[in-house]
Amino acid sequence: MNKITEDNIGKLLTEYIPEFLKDYKNFLKDNDGEKIIHVLFGAYLFPFTIKSIKNKKISTLKRIGKFLSKCFKFGDEKIVNIIHVSFFENMKKEDFEKLVTYLSEELSVHMKEMDRKYKYFI
């Protein structure tokens, strides 16, 4: 897989999570087409994920987990930072526990370690 960057993440996101396409289009519209990826993850993907957790949309959560795991493994430094700062840093521990099942082992172990070191989840 090619490196995931700010330039290709939108396409990848909507390929992995097709039901997010409407939210992605709203993101582009709300930001005048500017791809501010921190905003995409924090203000759009994060609430979409929480809603999917609350509504127990297992197939969607599996795709979200796969997408985040790919971003963690193949993302450039900016993308990995965005996953931490704009996505997981806002998450409640109880929501993380419901999402962790769908993350790769590598990302799951990493985020649990971050929580142990820094009390990451609220």
N, C-alpha and C. Protein backbone atom coordinates (compact mmCIF):
# COMPACT_ATOMS: atom_id res chain seq x y z
N MET A 1 0.84 -1.19 0.00
CA MET A 1 0.00 0.00 0.00
C MET A 1 0.88 1.24 0.00
N ASN A 2 0.48 2.25 -0.77
CA ASN A 2 1.20 3.52 -0.81
C ASN A 2 1.05 4.26 0.51
N LYS A 3 1.93 5.20 0.74
CA LYS A 3 1.87 6.04 1.94
C LYS A 3 0.56 6.82 1.93
N ILE A 4 -0.08 6.90 3.09
CA ILE A 4 -1.31 7.68 3.23
C ILE A 4 -0.93 9.08 3.66
N THR A 5 -1.41 10.07 2.90
CA THR A 5 -1.09 11.47 3.14
C THR A 5 -2.37 12.30 3.14
N GLU A 6 -2.21 13.57 3.42
CA GLU A 6 -3.37 14.48 3.37
C GLU A 6 -3.97 14.52 1.96
N ASP A 7 -3.15 14.28 0.96
CA ASP A 7 -3.62 14.34 -0.42
C ASP A 7 -4.53 13.17 -0.81
N ASN A 8 -4.30 12.00 -0.24
CA ASN A 8 -5.10 10.84 -0.67
C ASN A 8 -6.03 10.28 0.40
N ILE A 9 -6.06 10.89 1.57
CA ILE A 9 -6.83 10.30 2.66
C ILE A 9 -8.35 10.39 2.44
N GLY A 10 -8.82 11.45 1.81
CA GLY A 10 -10.26 11.59 1.57
C GLY A 10 -10.80 10.47 0.70
N LYS A 11 -10.09 10.18 -0.37
CA LYS A 11 -10.49 9.10 -1.27
C LYS A 11 -10.47 7.76 -0.54
N LEU A 12 -9.42 7.53 0.22
CA LEU A 12 -9.30 6.28 0.97
C LEU A 12 -10.41 6.16 2.01
N LEU A 13 -10.69 7.24 2.70
CA LEU A 13 -11.74 7.25 3.72
C LEU A 13 -13.09 6.85 3.14
N THR A 14 -13.46 7.43 2.02
CA THR A 14 -14.76 7.13 1.43
C THR A 14 -14.79 5.76 0.75
N GLU A 15 -13.63 5.23 0.38
CA GLU A 15 -13.57 3.86 -0.14
C GLU A 15 -13.77 2.85 0.98
N TYR A 16 -13.13 3.08 2.11
CA TYR A 16 -13.24 2.17 3.25
C TYR A 16 -14.60 2.29 3.94
N ILE A 17 -15.11 3.50 4.01
CA ILE A 17 -16.37 3.74 4.74
C ILE A 17 -17.33 4.48 3.81
N PRO A 18 -17.96 3.78 2.88
CA PRO A 18 -18.82 4.45 1.90
C PRO A 18 -19.98 5.21 2.54
N GLU A 19 -20.47 4.75 3.67
CA GLU A 19 -21.58 5.44 4.32
C GLU A 19 -21.16 6.79 4.92
N PHE A 20 -19.87 7.09 4.89
CA PHE A 20 -19.36 8.37 5.36
C PHE A 20 -19.31 9.41 4.23
N LEU A 21 -19.63 9.02 3.02
CA LEU A 21 -19.51 9.91 1.86
C LEU A 21 -20.30 11.20 2.04
N LYS A 22 -21.52 11.11 2.54
CA LYS A 22 -22.34 12.32 2.75
C LYS A 22 -21.64 13.27 3.74
N ASP A 23 -21.12 12.73 4.82
CA ASP A 23 -20.40 13.55 5.80
C ASP A 23 -19.15 14.17 5.18
N TYR A 24 -18.46 13.40 4.34
CA TYR A 24 -17.26 13.91 3.68
C TYR A 24 -17.61 15.07 2.74
N LYS A 25 -18.68 14.92 2.01
CA LYS A 25 -19.12 16.01 1.12
C LYS A 25 -19.50 17.24 1.93
N ASN A 26 -20.15 17.04 3.08
CA ASN A 26 -20.48 18.17 3.97
C ASN A 26 -19.20 18.84 4.49
N PHE A 27 -18.22 18.02 4.84
CA PHE A 27 -16.93 18.55 5.29
C PHE A 27 -16.32 19.46 4.22
N LEU A 28 -16.29 18.98 2.98
CA LEU A 28 -15.72 19.79 1.89
C LEU A 28 -16.53 21.07 1.68
N LYS A 29 -17.84 20.95 1.72
CA LYS A 29 -18.71 22.12 1.54
C LYS A 29 -18.52 23.13 2.68
N ASP A 30 -18.51 22.63 3.90
CA ASP A 30 -18.37 23.50 5.07
C ASP A 30 -17.03 24.21 5.12
N ASN A 31 -16.02 23.63 4.49
CA ASN A 31 -14.67 24.20 4.51
C ASN A 31 -14.25 24.74 3.15
N ASP A 32 -15.24 25.08 2.34
CA ASP A 32 -15.00 25.66 1.01
C ASP A 32 -14.02 24.83 0.19
N GLY A 33 -14.13 23.51 0.31
CA GLY A 33 -13.29 22.61 -0.47
C GLY A 33 -11.90 22.40 0.09
N GLU A 34 -11.55 23.16 1.12
CA GLU A 34 -10.22 23.02 1.72
C GLU A 34 -10.18 21.75 2.57
N LYS A 35 -9.18 20.95 2.37
CA LYS A 35 -9.06 19.67 3.08
C LYS A 35 -8.23 19.83 4.35
N ILE A 36 -8.90 20.28 5.40
CA ILE A 36 -8.25 20.45 6.70
C ILE A 36 -8.46 19.13 7.45
N ILE A 37 -7.47 18.26 7.39
CA ILE A 37 -7.64 16.88 7.82
C ILE A 37 -7.88 16.77 9.33
N HIS A 38 -7.29 17.66 10.13
CA HIS A 38 -7.59 17.64 11.57
C HIS A 38 -9.09 17.86 11.79
N VAL A 39 -9.68 18.75 11.04
CA VAL A 39 -11.12 19.02 11.15
C VAL A 39 -11.90 17.80 10.67
N LEU A 40 -11.48 17.19 9.59
CA LEU A 40 -12.15 16.00 9.08
C LEU A 40 -12.22 14.92 10.14
N PHE A 41 -11.11 14.65 10.79
CA PHE A 41 -11.08 13.58 11.80
C PHE A 41 -11.79 13.99 13.09
N GLY A 42 -11.58 15.22 13.54
CA GLY A 42 -12.13 15.64 14.83
C GLY A 42 -13.59 16.03 14.80
N ALA A 43 -14.01 16.72 13.77
CA ALA A 43 -15.37 17.27 13.73
C ALA A 43 -16.34 16.45 12.88
N TYR A 44 -15.83 15.52 12.10
CA TYR A 44 -16.71 14.74 11.22
C TYR A 44 -16.59 13.23 11.49
N LEU A 45 -15.37 12.68 11.36
CA LEU A 45 -15.21 11.24 11.54
C LEU A 45 -15.44 10.82 12.99
N PHE A 46 -14.95 11.61 13.93
CA PHE A 46 -15.12 11.26 15.34
C PHE A 46 -16.60 11.16 15.72
N PRO A 47 -17.44 12.18 15.48
CA PRO A 47 -18.85 12.05 15.84
C PRO A 47 -19.57 10.94 15.06
N PHE A 48 -19.16 10.74 13.81
CA PHE A 48 -19.72 9.65 13.01
C PHE A 48 -19.43 8.30 13.69
N THR A 49 -18.21 8.16 14.19
CA THR A 49 -17.81 6.93 14.88
C THR A 49 -18.59 6.74 16.17
N ILE A 50 -18.71 7.79 16.96
CA ILE A 50 -19.45 7.71 18.22
C ILE A 50 -20.91 7.33 17.96
N LYS A 51 -21.50 7.93 16.95
CA LYS A 51 -22.87 7.60 16.57
C LYS A 51 -22.97 6.12 16.16
N SER A 52 -21.99 5.64 15.43
CA SER A 52 -21.97 4.24 15.02
C SER A 52 -21.83 3.31 16.22
N ILE A 53 -21.04 3.72 17.22
CA ILE A 53 -20.91 2.95 18.46
C ILE A 53 -22.25 2.91 19.19
N LYS A 54 -22.86 4.07 19.35
CA LYS A 54 -24.14 4.16 20.08
C LYS A 54 -25.24 3.36 19.39
N ASN A 55 -25.24 3.37 18.06
CA ASN A 55 -26.27 2.65 17.30
C ASN A 55 -25.87 1.21 16.97
N LYS A 56 -24.73 0.78 17.51
CA LYS A 56 -24.24 -0.60 17.35
C LYS A 56 -24.18 -1.03 15.88
N LYS A 57 -23.63 -0.15 15.06
CA LYS A 57 -23.47 -0.46 13.63
C LYS A 57 -22.15 -1.20 13.44
N ILE A 58 -22.21 -2.49 13.69
CA ILE A 58 -21.01 -3.33 13.70
C ILE A 58 -20.27 -3.30 12.37
N SER A 59 -20.97 -3.44 11.26
CA SER A 59 -20.27 -3.46 9.96
C SER A 59 -19.57 -2.13 9.71
N THR A 60 -20.19 -1.03 10.10
CA THR A 60 -19.55 0.29 9.95
C THR A 60 -18.34 0.40 10.86
N LEU A 61 -18.47 -0.07 12.10
CA LEU A 61 -17.35 -0.01 13.04
C LEU A 61 -16.17 -0.85 12.56
N LYS A 62 -16.45 -1.97 11.93
CA LYS A 62 -15.38 -2.79 11.37
C LYS A 62 -14.63 -2.02 10.29
N ARG A 63 -15.36 -1.30 9.45
CA ARG A 63 -14.72 -0.53 8.38
C ARG A 63 -13.94 0.66 8.96
N ILE A 64 -14.50 1.30 9.97
CA ILE A 64 -13.79 2.40 10.63
C ILE A 64 -12.49 1.88 11.24
N GLY A 65 -12.57 0.75 11.93
CA GLY A 65 -11.38 0.16 12.54
C GLY A 65 -10.33 -0.18 11.51
N LYS A 66 -10.75 -0.74 10.40
CA LYS A 66 -9.82 -1.09 9.34
C LYS A 66 -9.17 0.17 8.75
N PHE A 67 -9.99 1.20 8.54
CA PHE A 67 -9.48 2.46 8.01
C PHE A 67 -8.44 3.08 8.95
N LEU A 68 -8.78 3.20 10.24
CA LEU A 68 -7.85 3.79 11.21
C LEU A 68 -6.57 2.97 11.31
N SER A 69 -6.70 1.67 11.27
CA SER A 69 -5.54 0.79 11.35
C SER A 69 -4.62 0.97 10.15
N LYS A 70 -5.20 1.10 8.97
CA LYS A 70 -4.40 1.35 7.76
C LYS A 70 -3.70 2.70 7.86
N CYS A 71 -4.41 3.70 8.36
CA CYS A 71 -3.82 5.03 8.52
C CYS A 71 -2.65 4.99 9.50
N PHE A 72 -2.81 4.23 10.57
CA PHE A 72 -1.74 4.12 11.56
C PHE A 72 -0.52 3.42 10.96
N LYS A 73 -0.75 2.38 10.20
CA LYS A 73 0.35 1.59 9.64
C LYS A 73 1.03 2.26 8.45
N PHE A 74 0.23 2.87 7.59
CA PHE A 74 0.77 3.40 6.33
C PHE A 74 0.74 4.93 6.24
N GLY A 75 0.23 5.59 7.27
CA GLY A 75 0.15 7.04 7.23
C GLY A 75 1.50 7.71 7.43
N ASP A 76 1.62 8.87 6.80
CA ASP A 76 2.83 9.65 7.05
C ASP A 76 2.74 10.22 8.47
N GLU A 77 3.76 10.93 8.87
CA GLU A 77 3.82 11.46 10.24
C GLU A 77 2.61 12.33 10.58
N LYS A 78 2.17 13.16 9.64
CA LYS A 78 1.02 14.03 9.87
C LYS A 78 -0.25 13.23 10.12
N ILE A 79 -0.46 12.19 9.33
CA ILE A 79 -1.67 11.37 9.46
C ILE A 79 -1.69 10.66 10.80
N VAL A 80 -0.57 10.09 11.20
CA VAL A 80 -0.50 9.39 12.49
C VAL A 80 -0.77 10.39 13.62
N ASN A 81 -0.24 11.58 13.52
CA ASN A 81 -0.50 12.62 14.52
C ASN A 81 -1.99 12.97 14.57
N ILE A 82 -2.61 13.09 13.42
CA ILE A 82 -4.03 13.41 13.35
C ILE A 82 -4.87 12.33 14.01
N ILE A 83 -4.50 11.07 13.82
CA ILE A 83 -5.23 9.98 14.47
C ILE A 83 -5.20 10.15 15.99
N HIS A 84 -4.04 10.50 16.51
CA HIS A 84 -3.91 10.70 17.96
C HIS A 84 -4.66 11.94 18.44
N VAL A 85 -4.30 13.07 17.87
CA VAL A 85 -4.74 14.36 18.40
C VAL A 85 -6.19 14.69 18.05
N SER A 86 -6.60 14.40 16.85
CA SER A 86 -7.93 14.82 16.41
C SER A 86 -8.98 13.73 16.54
N PHE A 87 -8.56 12.51 16.78
CA PHE A 87 -9.54 11.43 16.87
C PHE A 87 -9.52 10.79 18.25
N PHE A 88 -8.49 10.05 18.59
CA PHE A 88 -8.51 9.30 19.84
C PHE A 88 -8.45 10.17 21.08
N GLU A 89 -7.79 11.30 21.00
CA GLU A 89 -7.64 12.16 22.18
C GLU A 89 -8.99 12.67 22.70
N ASN A 90 -10.00 12.71 21.86
CA ASN A 90 -11.33 13.17 22.26
C ASN A 90 -12.23 12.05 22.78
N MET A 91 -11.75 10.84 22.75
CA MET A 91 -12.61 9.68 23.00
C MET A 91 -12.71 9.33 24.47
N LYS A 92 -13.92 8.96 24.87
CA LYS A 92 -14.12 8.45 26.22
C LYS A 92 -13.64 7.01 26.26
N LYS A 93 -13.15 6.62 27.41
CA LYS A 93 -12.63 5.26 27.58
C LYS A 93 -13.68 4.21 27.20
N GLU A 94 -14.92 4.43 27.61
CA GLU A 94 -15.98 3.45 27.32
C GLU A 94 -16.21 3.31 25.82
N ASP A 95 -16.08 4.39 25.06
CA ASP A 95 -16.23 4.31 23.61
C ASP A 95 -15.03 3.61 22.98
N PHE A 96 -13.84 3.91 23.49
CA PHE A 96 -12.64 3.24 22.99
C PHE A 96 -12.77 1.73 23.18
N GLU A 97 -13.24 1.32 24.33
CA GLU A 97 -13.39 -0.11 24.62
C GLU A 97 -14.34 -0.79 23.64
N LYS A 98 -15.30 -0.07 23.13
CA LYS A 98 -16.23 -0.63 22.15
C LYS A 98 -15.64 -0.63 20.74
N LEU A 99 -14.73 0.28 20.46
CA LEU A 99 -14.10 0.37 19.13
C LEU A 99 -12.87 -0.52 19.01
N VAL A 100 -12.17 -0.74 20.11
CA VAL A 100 -10.87 -1.42 20.08
C VAL A 100 -10.95 -2.80 19.44
N THR A 101 -12.06 -3.46 19.57
CA THR A 101 -12.26 -4.78 18.97
C THR A 101 -12.03 -4.77 17.47
N TYR A 102 -12.28 -3.64 16.84
CA TYR A 102 -12.22 -3.55 15.38
C TYR A 102 -10.92 -2.95 14.86
N LEU A 103 -10.01 -2.61 15.77
CA LEU A 103 -8.71 -2.06 15.38
C LEU A 103 -7.71 -3.19 15.18
N SER A 104 -6.68 -2.92 14.40
CA SER A 104 -5.61 -3.91 14.26
C SER A 104 -4.96 -4.09 15.62
N GLU A 105 -4.32 -5.23 15.79
CA GLU A 105 -3.63 -5.48 17.06
C GLU A 105 -2.56 -4.41 17.31
N GLU A 106 -1.86 -4.04 16.25
CA GLU A 106 -0.80 -3.03 16.35
C GLU A 106 -1.35 -1.69 16.88
N LEU A 107 -2.45 -1.22 16.31
CA LEU A 107 -3.03 0.05 16.75
C LEU A 107 -3.66 -0.09 18.13
N SER A 108 -4.30 -1.19 18.38
CA SER A 108 -4.93 -1.44 19.68
C SER A 108 -3.89 -1.41 20.81
N VAL A 109 -2.82 -2.15 20.63
CA VAL A 109 -1.76 -2.20 21.64
C VAL A 109 -1.15 -0.81 21.83
N HIS A 110 -0.90 -0.13 20.73
CA HIS A 110 -0.32 1.22 20.80
C HIS A 110 -1.21 2.18 21.59
N MET A 111 -2.49 2.19 21.29
CA MET A 111 -3.40 3.13 21.96
C MET A 111 -3.58 2.77 23.44
N LYS A 112 -3.60 1.50 23.76
CA LYS A 112 -3.69 1.09 25.17
C LYS A 112 -2.44 1.54 25.93
N GLU A 113 -1.29 1.44 25.28
CA GLU A 113 -0.04 1.89 25.89
C GLU A 113 -0.06 3.42 26.09
N MET A 114 -0.56 4.13 25.10
CA MET A 114 -0.69 5.60 25.23
C MET A 114 -1.57 5.95 26.43
N ASP A 115 -2.65 5.21 26.61
CA ASP A 115 -3.55 5.46 27.73
C ASP A 115 -2.86 5.16 29.06
N ARG A 116 -2.09 4.09 29.12
CA ARG A 116 -1.39 3.75 30.37
C ARG A 116 -0.38 4.85 30.73
N LYS A 117 0.33 5.34 29.72
CA LYS A 117 1.38 6.34 29.97
C LYS A 117 0.80 7.72 30.29
N TYR A 118 -0.24 8.11 29.55
CA TYR A 118 -0.67 9.51 29.60
C TYR A 118 -2.13 9.70 30.02
N LYS A 119 -2.79 8.63 30.45
CA LYS A 119 -4.23 8.73 30.76
C LYS A 119 -4.94 9.41 29.60
N TYR A 120 -4.78 8.80 28.46
CA TYR A 120 -5.18 9.36 27.18
C TYR A 120 -6.68 9.56 27.06
N PHE A 121 -7.43 8.56 27.45
CA PHE A 121 -8.88 8.61 27.25
C PHE A 121 -9.57 9.23 28.47
N ILE A 122 -10.58 10.04 28.16
CA ILE A 122 -11.29 10.74 29.24
C ILE A 122 -12.39 9.89 29.83
